[in-house]
């Protein structure tokens, strides 16, 4: 039967294997302060407990946790346990369909063994947080398939419905998913159109990861690309205005899905936004109550002048 010191060391070994993808025997020996032989014995103890520890031969090889038939217990530090519990509480009533019941079961297990000092903090965070009604639900299976495809660099095919268009099959090389406001987006290289595209996850159906692996391409920054796509590309007008305020202040007042905000000079910033209705855009810019210079398009100046005239007539 392992001694108390051996048990503690095996748990430390498990924590190390969970922290990083690969460890050499020399690295593990140094971290644990034991010999290579002791590391090998502790690896065998973990295997006997059901942990699939793989030995990878060759240069750059070592030990890593593999995938088993069942998920073995995980070791979480205080920060990881708190983050996991908060995420589970959000998922239980959040925007990913099909995950609520599973999240509640996992949360119940975690809550049962969590120390009181952490449990109180998790509940405080959750009780102080609300989920905005109207947020689009995402199928957890779609989220899982796309996440793995991004990680493994395999092509994906799915049926996609653009706004006001017919459903069509798309074949893409996925790079990253981005949550923006009420929607989730996938940035991917469209194989048939030979260009980068953004896809809303709630408009996808029959998502399948293929066995076709692709090489990583040079690609735009996913967050910037998705923001550009959702704030400008879908609209008939693209507007740019200078606002007399720091960019950080304007970002706090304008959601990222509505506009892109960039620093300018001497306390000014540039707001870039798309719109189909310039009267609507002029109204929202006026509601910011900031000194404004309209850069483009000229039609936005006309819409702003018409709005000002109507407001004067109402006074």
Protein backbone atom coordinates (compact mmCIF):
# COMPACT_ATOMS: atom_id res chain seq x y z
CA UNK A 1 0.00 0.00 0.00
CA UNK A 2 1.51 3.38 -0.98
CA UNK A 3 2.70 5.60 1.87
CA UNK A 4 1.19 9.02 2.50
CA UNK A 5 4.27 10.61 0.91
CA UNK A 6 3.96 8.41 -2.17
CA UNK A 7 0.25 9.19 -2.54
CA UNK A 8 0.93 12.92 -2.32
CA UNK A 9 3.68 12.59 -4.95
CA UNK A 10 1.40 10.63 -7.30
CA UNK A 11 -1.23 13.35 -7.01
CA UNK A 12 1.43 15.98 -7.80
CA UNK A 13 2.49 13.91 -10.81
CA UNK A 14 -1.11 13.75 -12.00
CA UNK A 15 -1.44 17.53 -11.63
CA UNK A 16 1.70 18.04 -13.73
CA UNK A 17 0.45 15.74 -16.49
CA UNK A 18 -2.84 17.63 -16.58
CA UNK A 19 -1.06 20.99 -16.76
CA UNK A 20 0.98 20.34 -19.92
CA UNK A 21 0.68 18.12 -22.99
CA UNK A 22 4.11 16.43 -22.71
CA UNK A 23 6.77 15.92 -20.02
CA UNK A 24 10.11 14.15 -20.25
CA UNK A 25 11.14 11.78 -17.44
CA UNK A 26 13.99 14.17 -16.57
CA UNK A 27 11.57 17.11 -16.22
CA UNK A 28 9.20 15.11 -14.04
CA UNK A 29 12.08 13.91 -11.85
CA UNK A 30 13.22 17.49 -11.33
CA UNK A 31 9.71 18.74 -10.54
CA UNK A 32 9.02 15.95 -8.05
CA UNK A 33 12.53 15.69 -6.59
CA UNK A 34 12.80 11.92 -7.18
CA UNK A 35 14.68 9.55 -9.47
CA UNK A 36 13.61 8.47 -12.96
CA UNK A 37 12.84 5.04 -11.51
CA UNK A 38 10.41 6.55 -8.98
CA UNK A 39 8.70 8.47 -11.79
CA UNK A 40 8.20 5.24 -13.75
CA UNK A 41 6.72 3.51 -10.68
CA UNK A 42 4.34 6.44 -10.09
CA UNK A 43 3.30 6.36 -13.75
CA UNK A 44 2.37 2.69 -13.32
CA UNK A 45 0.35 3.56 -10.20
CA UNK A 46 -1.62 6.13 -12.19
CA UNK A 47 -2.27 3.57 -14.93
CA UNK A 48 -3.53 1.07 -12.35
CA UNK A 49 -6.01 3.72 -11.18
CA UNK A 50 -7.38 4.09 -14.71
CA UNK A 51 -5.42 7.10 -15.95
CA UNK A 52 -4.28 6.52 -19.57
CA UNK A 53 -0.67 7.73 -19.39
CA UNK A 54 1.07 7.27 -22.74
CA UNK A 55 4.83 6.91 -23.18
CA UNK A 56 5.97 8.62 -26.39
CA UNK A 57 9.37 7.36 -27.65
CA UNK A 58 12.02 9.27 -29.57
CA UNK A 59 13.43 12.79 -29.52
CA UNK A 60 10.88 15.18 -28.04
CA UNK A 61 9.00 12.27 -26.49
CA UNK A 62 8.06 11.61 -22.90
CA UNK A 63 4.86 11.07 -20.94
CA UNK A 64 1.41 12.48 -21.61
CA UNK A 65 -2.15 11.86 -20.54
CA UNK A 66 -4.03 9.99 -23.24
CA UNK A 67 -7.72 9.49 -23.93
CA UNK A 68 -9.35 6.56 -22.17
CA UNK A 69 -12.72 4.85 -22.36
CA UNK A 70 -13.96 6.86 -19.39
CA UNK A 71 -13.05 10.30 -18.08
CA UNK A 72 -10.83 9.91 -14.99
CA UNK A 73 -10.99 12.35 -12.08
CA UNK A 74 -9.38 15.75 -12.65
CA UNK A 75 -7.31 17.78 -10.23
CA UNK A 76 -8.24 21.48 -10.15
CA UNK A 77 -6.57 24.28 -8.27
CA UNK A 78 -8.65 27.02 -6.60
CA UNK A 79 -8.76 29.29 -9.65
CA UNK A 80 -9.61 26.44 -12.03
CA UNK A 81 -12.35 25.11 -9.74
CA UNK A 82 -13.91 28.58 -9.40
CA UNK A 83 -13.78 29.22 -13.15
CA UNK A 84 -15.30 25.79 -13.88
CA UNK A 85 -18.13 26.24 -11.39
CA UNK A 86 -19.02 29.72 -12.66
CA UNK A 87 -18.98 28.47 -16.26
CA UNK A 88 -21.22 25.53 -15.38
CA UNK A 89 -23.73 27.79 -13.65
CA UNK A 90 -23.85 30.01 -16.73
CA UNK A 91 -24.17 27.02 -19.06
CA UNK A 92 -27.05 25.61 -17.02
CA UNK A 93 -29.18 28.60 -17.97
CA UNK A 94 -27.24 29.96 -20.91
CA UNK A 95 -27.11 30.01 -24.66
CA UNK A 96 -25.88 26.50 -25.58
CA UNK A 97 -28.85 24.23 -26.15
CA UNK A 98 -28.70 20.66 -24.91
CA UNK A 99 -26.08 21.35 -22.25
CA UNK A 100 -28.23 22.61 -19.40
CA UNK A 101 -29.03 19.28 -17.70
CA UNK A 102 -25.47 17.99 -18.04
CA UNK A 103 -24.12 21.26 -16.65
CA UNK A 104 -26.41 20.99 -13.64
CA UNK A 105 -25.29 17.42 -12.91
CA UNK A 106 -21.62 18.38 -13.19
CA UNK A 107 -22.18 21.45 -11.03
CA UNK A 108 -23.87 19.37 -8.33
CA UNK A 109 -20.85 17.05 -8.17
CA UNK A 110 -18.39 19.93 -8.04
CA UNK A 111 -20.42 21.86 -5.48
CA UNK A 112 -20.51 18.83 -3.18
CA UNK A 113 -16.71 18.61 -2.85
CA UNK A 114 -15.80 22.29 -3.21
CA UNK A 115 -14.33 23.94 -0.08
CA UNK A 116 -16.67 26.49 1.58
CA UNK A 117 -14.21 29.32 0.90
CA UNK A 118 -14.62 28.74 -2.85
CA UNK A 119 -18.32 27.82 -2.85
CA UNK A 120 -19.32 31.18 -1.40
CA UNK A 121 -17.33 33.10 -4.00
CA UNK A 122 -18.84 31.13 -6.89
CA UNK A 123 -22.39 31.72 -5.67
CA UNK A 124 -21.68 35.43 -5.23
CA UNK A 125 -20.51 35.75 -8.84
CA UNK A 126 -23.48 33.83 -10.17
CA UNK A 127 -26.07 35.69 -8.10
CA UNK A 128 -24.65 39.01 -9.29
CA UNK A 129 -24.89 38.03 -12.98
CA UNK A 130 -27.82 37.97 -15.39
CA UNK A 131 -28.21 36.54 -18.90
CA UNK A 132 -29.72 38.89 -21.47
CA UNK A 133 -32.99 37.63 -22.91
CA UNK A 134 -32.96 37.10 -26.64
CA UNK A 135 -29.48 35.59 -26.83
CA UNK A 136 -29.47 33.00 -29.61
CA UNK A 137 -29.12 29.39 -28.48
CA UNK A 138 -26.32 27.31 -30.02
CA UNK A 139 -26.49 23.53 -30.40
CA UNK A 140 -23.77 22.02 -28.20
CA UNK A 141 -23.04 19.36 -30.83
CA UNK A 142 -22.26 22.02 -33.45
CA UNK A 143 -20.04 23.82 -30.95
CA UNK A 144 -18.18 20.60 -30.14
CA UNK A 145 -17.67 19.55 -33.77
CA UNK A 146 -16.36 22.97 -34.77
CA UNK A 147 -14.09 23.23 -31.72
CA UNK A 148 -12.43 19.92 -32.52
CA UNK A 149 -12.15 20.78 -36.21
CA UNK A 150 -10.39 24.06 -35.37
CA UNK A 151 -8.01 22.20 -33.07
CA UNK A 152 -7.31 19.27 -35.45
CA UNK A 153 -7.28 21.38 -38.65
CA UNK A 154 -9.80 19.26 -40.55
CA UNK A 155 -12.28 20.53 -43.11
CA UNK A 156 -15.93 20.86 -42.20
CA UNK A 157 -19.05 20.76 -44.35
CA UNK A 158 -22.47 22.02 -43.36
CA UNK A 159 -25.73 23.43 -44.68
CA UNK A 160 -25.90 27.19 -44.29
CA UNK A 161 -28.71 29.71 -44.73
CA UNK A 162 -27.73 33.31 -45.33
CA UNK A 163 -30.19 36.08 -44.50
CA UNK A 164 -32.88 36.07 -47.19
CA UNK A 165 -31.13 33.36 -49.21
CA UNK A 166 -31.56 29.65 -49.85
CA UNK A 167 -29.81 26.97 -47.84
CA UNK A 168 -26.56 25.80 -49.46
CA UNK A 169 -23.78 23.37 -48.57
CA UNK A 170 -20.48 24.99 -47.59
CA UNK A 171 -17.04 23.43 -47.28
CA UNK A 172 -14.61 25.31 -45.08
CA UNK A 173 -11.30 25.15 -43.23
CA UNK A 174 -12.19 26.44 -39.74
CA UNK A 175 -9.82 28.68 -37.78
CA UNK A 176 -11.59 30.15 -34.75
CA UNK A 177 -15.02 30.76 -33.21
CA UNK A 178 -15.86 34.21 -31.86
CA UNK A 179 -18.76 35.13 -29.59
CA UNK A 180 -19.99 38.62 -30.45
CA UNK A 181 -23.00 39.99 -28.62
CA UNK A 182 -25.98 37.70 -29.10
CA UNK A 183 -24.38 35.44 -31.70
CA UNK A 184 -21.52 32.99 -32.20
CA UNK A 185 -19.48 33.17 -35.42
CA UNK A 186 -17.01 30.89 -37.16
CA UNK A 187 -14.13 32.40 -39.13
CA UNK A 188 -13.08 29.95 -41.83
CA UNK A 189 -11.57 29.68 -45.30
CA UNK A 190 -14.33 28.87 -47.80
CA UNK A 191 -12.87 26.21 -50.08
CA UNK A 192 -15.28 26.78 -52.98
CA UNK A 193 -15.11 30.60 -52.90
CA UNK A 194 -11.36 30.60 -52.18
CA UNK A 195 -11.63 33.36 -49.60
CA UNK A 196 -12.16 33.97 -45.89
CA UNK A 197 -15.74 34.01 -44.65
CA UNK A 198 -17.72 34.44 -41.42
CA UNK A 199 -20.60 32.08 -40.56
CA UNK A 200 -23.20 32.40 -37.82
CA UNK A 201 -23.50 29.16 -35.88
CA UNK A 202 -27.27 29.44 -35.42
CA UNK A 203 -27.66 29.38 -39.23
CA UNK A 204 -25.73 26.11 -39.60
CA UNK A 205 -27.24 22.65 -39.93
CA UNK A 206 -25.86 19.13 -40.43
CA UNK A 207 -22.32 20.09 -39.41
CA UNK A 208 -19.84 17.29 -40.19
CA UNK A 209 -16.08 17.19 -39.66
CA UNK A 210 -14.37 15.38 -42.54
CA UNK A 211 -11.09 13.43 -42.51
CA UNK A 212 -9.43 15.97 -44.85
CA UNK A 213 -6.63 17.69 -42.96
CA UNK A 214 -5.44 21.08 -44.14
CA UNK A 215 -2.30 23.13 -43.65
CA UNK A 216 -2.67 26.32 -41.68
CA UNK A 217 -2.93 29.41 -43.88
CA UNK A 218 -1.91 32.95 -43.12
CA UNK A 219 -5.15 34.47 -41.90
CA UNK A 220 -6.55 37.74 -40.55
CA UNK A 221 -6.97 38.25 -36.83
CA UNK A 222 -10.20 36.31 -36.08
CA UNK A 223 -11.66 38.87 -33.66
CA UNK A 224 -10.96 41.82 -35.96
CA UNK A 225 -12.22 39.92 -39.02
CA UNK A 226 -15.48 38.89 -37.36
CA UNK A 227 -16.05 42.39 -36.03
CA UNK A 228 -15.49 43.84 -39.50
CA UNK A 229 -17.90 41.28 -40.96
CA UNK A 230 -20.72 41.91 -38.49
CA UNK A 231 -20.37 45.70 -38.29
CA UNK A 232 -19.79 46.62 -41.94
CA UNK A 233 -19.96 43.90 -44.59
CA UNK A 234 -23.68 43.01 -44.45
CA UNK A 235 -24.84 46.63 -44.93
CA UNK A 236 -25.41 48.86 -47.93
CA UNK A 237 -23.69 51.88 -46.32
CA UNK A 238 -20.37 52.11 -44.50
CA UNK A 239 -19.99 55.15 -42.27
CA UNK A 240 -16.91 56.67 -40.61
CA UNK A 241 -17.17 59.45 -38.06
CA UNK A 242 -14.75 61.17 -35.68
CA UNK A 243 -15.91 61.47 -32.09
CA UNK A 244 -14.39 63.81 -29.53
CA UNK A 245 -13.79 61.21 -26.82
CA UNK A 246 -11.21 58.52 -26.02
CA UNK A 247 -11.76 55.22 -27.83
CA UNK A 248 -12.03 53.31 -24.53
CA UNK A 249 -14.91 55.54 -23.37
CA UNK A 250 -16.83 55.06 -26.63
CA UNK A 251 -16.24 51.28 -26.54
CA UNK A 252 -17.98 51.18 -23.17
CA UNK A 253 -21.05 52.80 -24.73
CA UNK A 254 -21.13 51.09 -28.15
CA UNK A 255 -21.28 47.24 -28.33
CA UNK A 256 -18.54 45.64 -30.47
CA UNK A 257 -21.15 44.04 -32.74
CA UNK A 258 -22.44 47.51 -33.66
CA UNK A 259 -19.24 49.37 -34.59
CA UNK A 260 -15.47 49.31 -34.63
CA UNK A 261 -13.80 52.00 -32.51
CA UNK A 262 -10.20 53.08 -33.12
CA UNK A 263 -7.97 55.68 -31.48
CA UNK A 264 -7.35 58.89 -33.41
CA UNK A 265 -5.38 61.97 -32.32
CA UNK A 266 -5.73 64.54 -29.54
CA UNK A 267 -8.59 62.90 -27.65
CA UNK A 268 -10.59 61.87 -30.73
CA UNK A 269 -11.50 58.41 -32.00
CA UNK A 270 -12.88 56.93 -35.23
CA UNK A 271 -16.17 55.01 -35.26
CA UNK A 272 -16.81 52.73 -38.25
CA UNK A 273 -20.24 51.16 -38.66
CA UNK A 274 -22.46 49.73 -41.35
CA UNK A 275 -26.13 50.55 -41.84
CA UNK A 276 -28.96 50.10 -44.28
CA UNK A 277 -30.83 53.08 -42.81
CA UNK A 278 -28.71 56.23 -42.48
CA UNK A 279 -31.47 58.06 -40.60
CA UNK A 280 -31.29 55.35 -37.93
CA UNK A 281 -27.49 55.61 -37.78
CA UNK A 282 -27.58 59.41 -37.52
CA UNK A 283 -29.99 59.15 -34.58
CA UNK A 284 -27.76 56.70 -32.69
CA UNK A 285 -24.66 58.80 -33.28
CA UNK A 286 -26.53 61.87 -32.01
CA UNK A 287 -27.54 59.93 -28.89
CA UNK A 288 -23.87 59.59 -27.95
CA UNK A 289 -23.97 63.35 -27.28
CA UNK A 290 -20.36 63.89 -28.41
CA UNK A 291 -18.78 66.44 -30.72
CA UNK A 292 -18.87 64.69 -34.09
CA UNK A 293 -17.26 65.05 -37.50
CA UNK A 294 -18.82 62.93 -40.26
CA UNK A 295 -16.11 61.64 -42.60
CA UNK A 296 -18.20 59.48 -44.93
CA UNK A 297 -20.55 58.95 -46.67
CA UNK A 298 -21.93 62.36 -47.70
CA UNK A 299 -25.45 60.94 -47.40
CA UNK A 300 -24.92 60.56 -43.64
CA UNK A 301 -24.30 64.32 -43.39
CA UNK A 302 -27.63 64.89 -45.15
CA UNK A 303 -29.37 62.47 -42.78
CA UNK A 304 -27.82 64.22 -39.75
CA UNK A 305 -28.88 67.65 -41.05
CA UNK A 306 -32.44 66.41 -41.61
CA UNK A 307 -32.50 64.97 -38.07
CA UNK A 308 -31.29 68.26 -36.62
CA UNK A 309 -33.97 70.14 -38.53
CA UNK A 310 -36.71 67.84 -37.24
CA UNK A 311 -35.49 68.23 -33.67
CA UNK A 312 -35.50 72.04 -33.99
CA UNK A 313 -39.07 71.93 -35.29
CA UNK A 314 -40.06 69.94 -32.19
CA UNK A 315 -38.54 72.44 -29.75
